[in-house]
Amino acid sequence: MEGGDVVWLDERTVAIGRGYRTNDEGIRQLKEIVGDLIDEIIVVPMPHGEGKEACLHLMSIISLVDDDLAVVYSKYMPVFFREYLIDRGIQLIETDDDEYDYLGSNVLALGKRKCVVIEGNVKVAKALEEAGAEVFTYPGRNLSYLGVGGPTCLTCPILRGSA
């Protein structure tokens, strides 16, 4: 199981991407470890995408920016999961193909409606700002794009506060 395949939707609900990087055994072990701490685990089948060798995680297709706001790449998202998010009242900001390729759906939440995106993902940044988010950017061509790791991949947040 890889951390990029684990997306917390709230304190007691977690979505896990099941693909080449996270398998059934990893999911089983997580379920065993968290036990009664979690009310719901949603297993999201990952697409083949660019193939087995590509770095494709669940966090490649969804980044939560707030309890009710997420940046997504719906082209790779299973219909049931997209509908689930909408039913939860989560506003989905869609990433187009060009910005997805430039890691536009990889958005790091610093707090509620406060986030970091790679400079150059102007459509995602604008849509986030229109949704009331404060958006910070950084020049990530060399560090992130060429290294295939957006802002979430460069960090290891353990607690996000409301400040």
N, C-alpha and C. Protein backbone atom coordinates (compact mmCIF):
# COMPACT_ATOMS: atom_id res chain seq x y z
N MET A 1 0.85 -1.17 0.00
CA MET A 1 0.00 0.00 0.00
C MET A 1 0.90 1.23 0.00
N GLU A 2 0.55 2.18 -0.87
CA GLU A 2 1.29 3.44 -0.94
C GLU A 2 0.40 4.58 -0.46
N GLY A 3 0.98 5.53 0.23
CA GLY A 3 0.25 6.64 0.81
C GLY A 3 -0.53 7.46 -0.19
N GLY A 4 -0.06 7.55 -1.42
CA GLY A 4 -0.75 8.31 -2.45
C GLY A 4 -2.07 7.70 -2.86
N ASP A 5 -2.33 6.48 -2.44
CA ASP A 5 -3.60 5.82 -2.74
C ASP A 5 -4.61 5.95 -1.61
N VAL A 6 -4.27 6.71 -0.57
CA VAL A 6 -5.15 6.88 0.59
C VAL A 6 -5.63 8.33 0.65
N VAL A 7 -6.94 8.52 0.53
CA VAL A 7 -7.53 9.85 0.58
C VAL A 7 -8.58 9.86 1.70
N TRP A 8 -8.33 10.70 2.70
CA TRP A 8 -9.28 10.84 3.81
C TRP A 8 -10.36 11.81 3.40
N LEU A 9 -11.60 11.36 3.39
CA LEU A 9 -12.73 12.22 3.05
C LEU A 9 -13.26 12.96 4.27
N ASP A 10 -13.09 12.37 5.43
CA ASP A 10 -13.33 13.01 6.72
C ASP A 10 -12.60 12.16 7.75
N GLU A 11 -12.75 12.46 9.03
CA GLU A 11 -11.99 11.76 10.06
C GLU A 11 -12.29 10.27 10.16
N ARG A 12 -13.44 9.84 9.66
CA ARG A 12 -13.81 8.43 9.80
C ARG A 12 -14.14 7.75 8.47
N THR A 13 -13.81 8.43 7.36
CA THR A 13 -14.08 7.87 6.04
C THR A 13 -12.83 8.00 5.18
N VAL A 14 -12.40 6.89 4.63
CA VAL A 14 -11.18 6.89 3.81
C VAL A 14 -11.46 6.16 2.49
N ALA A 15 -10.92 6.74 1.42
CA ALA A 15 -10.98 6.10 0.10
C ALA A 15 -9.58 5.57 -0.20
N ILE A 16 -9.54 4.36 -0.75
CA ILE A 16 -8.26 3.73 -1.07
C ILE A 16 -8.28 3.31 -2.54
N GLY A 17 -7.28 3.76 -3.27
CA GLY A 17 -7.15 3.37 -4.68
C GLY A 17 -6.56 1.98 -4.79
N ARG A 18 -7.27 1.09 -5.47
CA ARG A 18 -6.80 -0.30 -5.67
C ARG A 18 -6.27 -0.38 -7.09
N GLY A 19 -4.96 -0.49 -7.23
CA GLY A 19 -4.35 -0.53 -8.55
C GLY A 19 -3.03 -1.27 -8.52
N TYR A 20 -2.10 -0.83 -9.35
CA TYR A 20 -0.80 -1.49 -9.43
C TYR A 20 0.05 -1.23 -8.19
N ARG A 21 -0.15 -0.10 -7.51
CA ARG A 21 0.70 0.29 -6.39
C ARG A 21 0.12 -0.09 -5.03
N THR A 22 -1.18 -0.31 -4.96
CA THR A 22 -1.83 -0.75 -3.72
C THR A 22 -2.71 -1.94 -4.08
N ASN A 23 -2.44 -3.07 -3.44
CA ASN A 23 -3.17 -4.29 -3.78
C ASN A 23 -4.15 -4.69 -2.67
N ASP A 24 -4.85 -5.79 -2.89
CA ASP A 24 -5.87 -6.25 -1.95
C ASP A 24 -5.28 -6.56 -0.57
N GLU A 25 -4.08 -7.11 -0.54
CA GLU A 25 -3.46 -7.44 0.75
C GLU A 25 -3.16 -6.18 1.55
N GLY A 26 -2.68 -5.15 0.90
CA GLY A 26 -2.42 -3.88 1.59
C GLY A 26 -3.70 -3.29 2.15
N ILE A 27 -4.77 -3.37 1.38
CA ILE A 27 -6.07 -2.86 1.83
C ILE A 27 -6.57 -3.68 3.01
N ARG A 28 -6.42 -4.99 2.93
CA ARG A 28 -6.84 -5.86 4.04
C ARG A 28 -6.09 -5.51 5.32
N GLN A 29 -4.78 -5.30 5.20
CA GLN A 29 -3.98 -4.98 6.38
C GLN A 29 -4.37 -3.63 6.97
N LEU A 30 -4.65 -2.65 6.12
CA LEU A 30 -5.09 -1.35 6.64
C LEU A 30 -6.41 -1.49 7.38
N LYS A 31 -7.34 -2.23 6.80
CA LYS A 31 -8.62 -2.45 7.48
C LYS A 31 -8.41 -3.08 8.85
N GLU A 32 -7.50 -4.02 8.93
CA GLU A 32 -7.20 -4.69 10.20
C GLU A 32 -6.58 -3.71 11.20
N ILE A 33 -5.69 -2.87 10.74
CA ILE A 33 -5.00 -1.92 11.62
C ILE A 33 -5.95 -0.86 12.16
N VAL A 34 -6.78 -0.29 11.29
CA VAL A 34 -7.65 0.81 11.72
C VAL A 34 -8.88 0.32 12.47
N GLY A 35 -9.30 -0.90 12.20
CA GLY A 35 -10.41 -1.49 12.94
C GLY A 35 -11.60 -0.57 13.10
N ASP A 36 -11.98 -0.33 14.35
CA ASP A 36 -13.16 0.48 14.68
C ASP A 36 -12.92 1.98 14.58
N LEU A 37 -11.71 2.40 14.25
CA LEU A 37 -11.43 3.84 14.13
C LEU A 37 -12.07 4.44 12.88
N ILE A 38 -12.42 3.60 11.93
CA ILE A 38 -12.96 4.04 10.65
C ILE A 38 -14.37 3.50 10.49
N ASP A 39 -15.29 4.38 10.04
CA ASP A 39 -16.66 3.95 9.78
C ASP A 39 -16.80 3.36 8.38
N GLU A 40 -16.06 3.92 7.43
CA GLU A 40 -16.23 3.50 6.04
C GLU A 40 -14.91 3.53 5.29
N ILE A 41 -14.62 2.45 4.61
CA ILE A 41 -13.48 2.38 3.69
C ILE A 41 -14.06 2.12 2.30
N ILE A 42 -13.76 3.04 1.40
CA ILE A 42 -14.24 2.94 0.02
C ILE A 42 -13.08 2.51 -0.85
N VAL A 43 -13.18 1.34 -1.45
CA VAL A 43 -12.13 0.86 -2.35
C VAL A 43 -12.46 1.35 -3.75
N VAL A 44 -11.54 2.12 -4.32
CA VAL A 44 -11.73 2.73 -5.63
C VAL A 44 -10.82 2.03 -6.64
N PRO A 45 -11.40 1.29 -7.60
CA PRO A 45 -10.56 0.63 -8.61
C PRO A 45 -9.87 1.68 -9.48
N MET A 46 -8.56 1.55 -9.60
CA MET A 46 -7.77 2.50 -10.39
C MET A 46 -7.73 2.04 -11.84
N PRO A 47 -7.65 3.00 -12.77
CA PRO A 47 -7.54 2.64 -14.18
C PRO A 47 -6.11 2.20 -14.52
N HIS A 48 -5.99 1.54 -15.64
CA HIS A 48 -4.68 1.16 -16.15
C HIS A 48 -3.87 2.40 -16.52
N GLY A 49 -4.55 3.44 -16.99
CA GLY A 49 -3.90 4.72 -17.32
C GLY A 49 -2.78 4.56 -18.32
N GLU A 50 -1.62 5.03 -17.95
CA GLU A 50 -0.44 4.97 -18.83
C GLU A 50 0.35 3.68 -18.64
N GLY A 51 -0.21 2.74 -17.89
CA GLY A 51 0.45 1.44 -17.74
C GLY A 51 0.98 1.17 -16.35
N LYS A 52 1.45 -0.04 -16.19
CA LYS A 52 1.90 -0.53 -14.90
C LYS A 52 3.09 0.26 -14.33
N GLU A 53 3.94 0.75 -15.18
CA GLU A 53 5.14 1.45 -14.73
C GLU A 53 4.87 2.92 -14.38
N ALA A 54 3.73 3.45 -14.77
CA ALA A 54 3.41 4.86 -14.49
C ALA A 54 3.11 5.06 -13.01
N CYS A 55 3.35 6.26 -12.53
CA CYS A 55 3.06 6.59 -11.13
C CYS A 55 1.64 7.16 -11.06
N LEU A 56 0.67 6.29 -10.86
CA LEU A 56 -0.73 6.70 -10.79
C LEU A 56 -1.31 6.26 -9.46
N HIS A 57 -1.66 7.24 -8.65
CA HIS A 57 -2.28 7.01 -7.34
C HIS A 57 -3.69 7.61 -7.34
N LEU A 58 -4.47 7.26 -6.33
CA LEU A 58 -5.78 7.89 -6.17
C LEU A 58 -5.61 9.39 -6.02
N MET A 59 -4.55 9.83 -5.34
CA MET A 59 -4.30 11.26 -5.18
C MET A 59 -3.87 11.91 -6.49
N SER A 60 -3.67 11.14 -7.54
CA SER A 60 -3.42 11.70 -8.86
C SER A 60 -4.72 12.18 -9.50
N ILE A 61 -5.85 11.63 -9.02
CA ILE A 61 -7.13 11.99 -9.63
C ILE A 61 -8.08 12.73 -8.69
N ILE A 62 -7.70 12.86 -7.43
CA ILE A 62 -8.51 13.68 -6.51
C ILE A 62 -7.61 14.28 -5.43
N SER A 63 -7.81 15.57 -5.20
CA SER A 63 -7.17 16.28 -4.10
C SER A 63 -8.25 17.05 -3.37
N LEU A 64 -8.48 16.71 -2.11
CA LEU A 64 -9.44 17.46 -1.30
C LEU A 64 -8.80 18.76 -0.85
N VAL A 65 -9.53 19.85 -1.03
CA VAL A 65 -9.07 21.17 -0.63
C VAL A 65 -9.83 21.63 0.61
N ASP A 66 -11.00 21.07 0.81
CA ASP A 66 -11.83 21.35 1.98
C ASP A 66 -12.82 20.19 2.10
N ASP A 67 -13.60 20.18 3.15
CA ASP A 67 -14.58 19.10 3.35
C ASP A 67 -15.56 19.00 2.19
N ASP A 68 -15.78 20.12 1.51
CA ASP A 68 -16.77 20.14 0.43
C ASP A 68 -16.21 20.65 -0.89
N LEU A 69 -14.89 20.51 -1.09
CA LEU A 69 -14.26 21.01 -2.31
C LEU A 69 -13.08 20.12 -2.68
N ALA A 70 -13.07 19.67 -3.94
CA ALA A 70 -11.97 18.81 -4.40
C ALA A 70 -11.63 19.13 -5.85
N VAL A 71 -10.36 18.97 -6.17
CA VAL A 71 -9.89 19.05 -7.55
C VAL A 71 -9.80 17.61 -8.05
N VAL A 72 -10.40 17.35 -9.21
CA VAL A 72 -10.46 15.98 -9.71
C VAL A 72 -10.10 15.91 -11.20
N TYR A 73 -9.72 14.71 -11.59
CA TYR A 73 -9.56 14.37 -13.00
C TYR A 73 -10.56 13.26 -13.27
N SER A 74 -11.77 13.65 -13.64
CA SER A 74 -12.87 12.70 -13.77
C SER A 74 -12.66 11.64 -14.85
N LYS A 75 -11.82 11.93 -15.80
CA LYS A 75 -11.56 10.98 -16.89
C LYS A 75 -11.06 9.64 -16.35
N TYR A 76 -10.33 9.65 -15.24
CA TYR A 76 -9.81 8.43 -14.63
C TYR A 76 -10.62 7.98 -13.42
N MET A 77 -11.68 8.71 -13.09
CA MET A 77 -12.43 8.41 -11.87
C MET A 77 -13.60 7.47 -12.17
N PRO A 78 -13.75 6.39 -11.41
CA PRO A 78 -14.91 5.52 -11.58
C PRO A 78 -16.21 6.29 -11.32
N VAL A 79 -17.24 5.98 -12.08
CA VAL A 79 -18.51 6.69 -11.98
C VAL A 79 -19.07 6.62 -10.55
N PHE A 80 -19.05 5.44 -9.93
CA PHE A 80 -19.63 5.32 -8.59
C PHE A 80 -18.95 6.26 -7.60
N PHE A 81 -17.62 6.44 -7.74
CA PHE A 81 -16.89 7.28 -6.79
C PHE A 81 -17.18 8.76 -7.04
N ARG A 82 -17.26 9.13 -8.29
CA ARG A 82 -17.60 10.52 -8.64
C ARG A 82 -19.00 10.85 -8.11
N GLU A 83 -19.97 9.95 -8.32
CA GLU A 83 -21.32 10.15 -7.81
C GLU A 83 -21.34 10.19 -6.28
N TYR A 84 -20.54 9.34 -5.66
CA TYR A 84 -20.44 9.32 -4.20
C TYR A 84 -19.99 10.69 -3.67
N LEU A 85 -18.97 11.26 -4.30
CA LEU A 85 -18.46 12.56 -3.87
C LEU A 85 -19.52 13.64 -4.03
N ILE A 86 -20.20 13.63 -5.15
CA ILE A 86 -21.26 14.62 -5.40
C ILE A 86 -22.39 14.46 -4.38
N ASP A 87 -22.77 13.21 -4.11
CA ASP A 87 -23.82 12.96 -3.12
C ASP A 87 -23.42 13.43 -1.72
N ARG A 88 -22.13 13.45 -1.43
CA ARG A 88 -21.62 13.96 -0.14
C ARG A 88 -21.62 15.48 -0.10
N GLY A 89 -21.95 16.11 -1.24
CA GLY A 89 -21.97 17.57 -1.29
C GLY A 89 -20.62 18.19 -1.60
N ILE A 90 -19.73 17.40 -2.17
CA ILE A 90 -18.39 17.91 -2.52
C ILE A 90 -18.44 18.53 -3.91
N GLN A 91 -18.06 19.80 -3.99
CA GLN A 91 -17.96 20.49 -5.28
C GLN A 91 -16.69 20.00 -5.97
N LEU A 92 -16.83 19.56 -7.22
CA LEU A 92 -15.70 19.03 -7.97
C LEU A 92 -15.18 20.06 -8.96
N ILE A 93 -13.93 20.40 -8.84
CA ILE A 93 -13.26 21.27 -9.81
C ILE A 93 -12.53 20.35 -10.77
N GLU A 94 -12.95 20.40 -12.01
CA GLU A 94 -12.42 19.49 -13.03
C GLU A 94 -11.07 19.98 -13.57
N THR A 95 -10.16 19.04 -13.72
CA THR A 95 -8.87 19.31 -14.36
C THR A 95 -8.95 18.80 -15.79
N ASP A 96 -8.56 19.64 -16.77
CA ASP A 96 -8.57 19.18 -18.15
C ASP A 96 -7.30 18.37 -18.44
N ASP A 97 -7.22 17.79 -19.63
CA ASP A 97 -6.09 16.92 -19.97
C ASP A 97 -4.75 17.63 -19.87
N ASP A 98 -4.67 18.87 -20.37
CA ASP A 98 -3.40 19.60 -20.36
C ASP A 98 -2.91 19.85 -18.93
N GLU A 99 -3.80 20.31 -18.08
CA GLU A 99 -3.37 20.60 -16.72
C GLU A 99 -3.19 19.32 -15.90
N TYR A 100 -3.93 18.27 -16.21
CA TYR A 100 -3.68 16.99 -15.55
C TYR A 100 -2.26 16.52 -15.86
N ASP A 101 -1.88 16.64 -17.13
CA ASP A 101 -0.53 16.22 -17.53
C ASP A 101 0.55 17.04 -16.82
N TYR A 102 0.20 18.26 -16.40
CA TYR A 102 1.15 19.11 -15.67
C TYR A 102 0.87 19.06 -14.16
N LEU A 103 0.31 17.94 -13.70
CA LEU A 103 0.05 17.65 -12.29
C LEU A 103 -0.95 18.62 -11.66
N GLY A 104 -1.90 19.11 -12.48
CA GLY A 104 -2.89 20.06 -12.00
C GLY A 104 -3.88 19.51 -11.00
N SER A 105 -4.08 18.21 -10.97
CA SER A 105 -5.00 17.63 -9.98
C SER A 105 -4.28 17.28 -8.69
N ASN A 106 -2.98 17.51 -8.64
CA ASN A 106 -2.19 17.27 -7.43
C ASN A 106 -2.09 18.59 -6.68
N VAL A 107 -3.02 18.79 -5.75
CA VAL A 107 -3.14 20.04 -5.01
C VAL A 107 -2.96 19.74 -3.53
N LEU A 108 -2.09 20.46 -2.88
CA LEU A 108 -1.83 20.26 -1.46
C LEU A 108 -2.69 21.20 -0.64
N ALA A 109 -3.55 20.64 0.21
CA ALA A 109 -4.36 21.45 1.12
C ALA A 109 -3.52 21.78 2.35
N LEU A 110 -3.43 23.08 2.64
CA LEU A 110 -2.70 23.54 3.83
C LEU A 110 -3.65 23.75 5.00
N GLY A 111 -4.90 23.95 4.68
CA GLY A 111 -5.97 24.19 5.65
C GLY A 111 -7.25 24.30 4.85
N LYS A 112 -8.31 24.62 5.49
CA LYS A 112 -9.59 24.73 4.78
C LYS A 112 -9.52 25.84 3.74
N ARG A 113 -9.71 25.43 2.47
CA ARG A 113 -9.71 26.35 1.33
C ARG A 113 -8.42 27.17 1.23
N LYS A 114 -7.33 26.55 1.60
CA LYS A 114 -5.99 27.14 1.45
C LYS A 114 -5.11 26.04 0.87
N CYS A 115 -4.52 26.30 -0.31
CA CYS A 115 -3.84 25.22 -1.00
C CYS A 115 -2.65 25.69 -1.84
N VAL A 116 -1.88 24.72 -2.30
CA VAL A 116 -0.70 24.96 -3.14
C VAL A 116 -0.86 24.16 -4.43
N VAL A 117 -0.61 24.84 -5.56
CA VAL A 117 -0.60 24.19 -6.87
C VAL A 117 0.68 24.57 -7.60
N ILE A 118 1.02 23.79 -8.59
CA ILE A 118 2.19 24.11 -9.42
C ILE A 118 1.86 25.30 -10.30
N GLU A 119 2.76 26.27 -10.32
CA GLU A 119 2.62 27.45 -11.18
C GLU A 119 2.43 26.99 -12.63
N GLY A 120 1.46 27.56 -13.31
CA GLY A 120 1.18 27.18 -14.69
C GLY A 120 -0.15 26.47 -14.86
N ASN A 121 -0.72 25.98 -13.76
CA ASN A 121 -2.04 25.37 -13.80
C ASN A 121 -3.08 26.46 -13.53
N VAL A 122 -3.19 27.37 -14.49
CA VAL A 122 -3.98 28.59 -14.30
C VAL A 122 -5.48 28.31 -14.23
N LYS A 123 -5.98 27.33 -14.99
CA LYS A 123 -7.42 27.05 -14.94
C LYS A 123 -7.83 26.46 -13.60
N VAL A 124 -7.03 25.56 -13.08
CA VAL A 124 -7.32 24.97 -11.77
C VAL A 124 -7.23 26.06 -10.70
N ALA A 125 -6.17 26.86 -10.74
CA ALA A 125 -6.00 27.92 -9.74
C ALA A 125 -7.16 28.90 -9.78
N LYS A 126 -7.58 29.29 -10.97
CA LYS A 126 -8.69 30.24 -11.11
C LYS A 126 -9.99 29.64 -10.56
N ALA A 127 -10.27 28.38 -10.90
CA ALA A 127 -11.49 27.72 -10.42
C ALA A 127 -11.47 27.60 -8.89
N LEU A 128 -10.31 27.31 -8.33
CA LEU A 128 -10.19 27.23 -6.87
C LEU A 128 -10.47 28.60 -6.23
N GLU A 129 -9.89 29.64 -6.81
CA GLU A 129 -10.12 30.98 -6.28
C GLU A 129 -11.60 31.37 -6.39
N GLU A 130 -12.24 31.00 -7.49
CA GLU A 130 -13.67 31.29 -7.65
C GLU A 130 -14.52 30.53 -6.63
N ALA A 131 -14.00 29.40 -6.15
CA ALA A 131 -14.70 28.61 -5.12
C ALA A 131 -14.35 29.11 -3.72
N GLY A 132 -13.58 30.19 -3.63
CA GLY A 132 -13.27 30.78 -2.34
C GLY A 132 -11.98 30.30 -1.71
N ALA A 133 -11.14 29.62 -2.47
CA ALA A 133 -9.88 29.13 -1.93
C ALA A 133 -8.76 30.15 -2.10
N GLU A 134 -7.86 30.15 -1.15
CA GLU A 134 -6.63 30.93 -1.27
C GLU A 134 -5.59 30.00 -1.89
N VAL A 135 -5.03 30.42 -3.02
CA VAL A 135 -4.15 29.54 -3.79
C VAL A 135 -2.73 30.10 -3.81
N PHE A 136 -1.79 29.26 -3.43
CA PHE A 136 -0.37 29.59 -3.52
C PHE A 136 0.23 28.74 -4.64
N THR A 137 1.19 29.29 -5.37
CA THR A 137 1.83 28.54 -6.44
C THR A 137 3.34 28.52 -6.22
N TYR A 138 3.99 27.58 -6.86
CA TYR A 138 5.45 27.52 -6.84
C TYR A 138 5.93 27.06 -8.21
N PRO A 139 7.13 27.47 -8.61
CA PRO A 139 7.65 27.05 -9.91
C PRO A 139 8.08 25.58 -9.83
N GLY A 140 7.21 24.69 -10.29
CA GLY A 140 7.45 23.27 -10.08
C GLY A 140 7.88 22.47 -11.29
N ARG A 141 8.25 23.14 -12.36
CA ARG A 141 8.62 22.38 -13.56
C ARG A 141 9.74 21.38 -13.27
N ASN A 142 10.84 21.82 -12.73
CA ASN A 142 11.98 20.93 -12.49
C ASN A 142 11.74 20.01 -11.30
N LEU A 143 11.29 20.59 -10.20
CA LEU A 143 11.13 19.82 -8.96
C LEU A 143 9.99 18.82 -9.04
N SER A 144 8.86 19.23 -9.58
CA SER A 144 7.67 18.39 -9.55
C SER A 144 7.37 17.73 -10.89
N TYR A 145 7.18 18.52 -11.94
CA TYR A 145 6.76 17.96 -13.21
C TYR A 145 7.77 16.95 -13.75
N LEU A 146 9.03 17.36 -13.82
CA LEU A 146 10.05 16.44 -14.36
C LEU A 146 10.31 15.28 -13.40
N GLY A 147 10.04 15.49 -12.12
CA GLY A 147 10.21 14.43 -11.14
C GLY A 147 8.94 13.63 -10.91
N VAL A 148 7.87 13.95 -11.63
CA VAL A 148 6.56 13.29 -11.54
C VAL A 148 6.06 13.23 -10.10
N GLY A 149 6.11 14.37 -9.42
CA GLY A 149 5.60 14.43 -8.06
C GLY A 149 5.14 15.84 -7.72
N GLY A 150 3.85 16.04 -7.63
CA GLY A 150 3.30 17.35 -7.32
C GLY A 150 3.49 17.73 -5.87
N PRO A 151 2.83 18.81 -5.44
CA PRO A 151 3.04 19.29 -4.07
C PRO A 151 2.66 18.29 -2.99
N THR A 152 1.66 17.45 -3.22
CA THR A 152 1.32 16.46 -2.19
C THR A 152 2.42 15.42 -2.05
N CYS A 153 3.12 15.15 -3.15
CA CYS A 153 4.18 14.14 -3.13
C CYS A 153 5.44 14.64 -2.41
N LEU A 154 5.55 15.96 -2.26
CA LEU A 154 6.73 16.55 -1.64
C LEU A 154 6.59 16.72 -0.13
N THR A 155 5.45 16.32 0.41
CA THR A 155 5.18 16.56 1.81
C THR A 155 4.69 15.30 2.50
N CYS A 156 4.59 15.40 3.79
CA CYS A 156 4.02 14.31 4.59
C CYS A 156 3.19 14.93 5.70
N PRO A 157 2.03 15.54 5.35
CA PRO A 157 1.23 16.16 6.40
C PRO A 157 0.65 15.10 7.33
N ILE A 158 0.69 15.40 8.61
CA ILE A 158 0.10 14.47 9.57
C ILE A 158 -1.13 15.07 10.23
N LEU A 159 -1.28 16.40 10.14
CA LEU A 159 -2.45 17.05 10.72
C LEU A 159 -2.71 18.34 9.97
N ARG A 160 -3.93 18.52 9.54
CA ARG A 160 -4.33 19.76 8.90
C ARG A 160 -5.28 20.48 9.84
N GLY A 161 -4.93 21.69 10.19
CA GLY A 161 -5.77 22.47 11.09
C GLY A 161 -6.69 23.38 10.34
N SER A 162 -7.54 24.06 11.06
CA SER A 162 -8.48 24.99 10.43
C SER A 162 -7.91 26.38 10.30
N ALA A 163 -6.73 26.60 10.80
CA ALA A 163 -6.10 27.94 10.75
C ALA A 163 -5.54 28.24 9.37
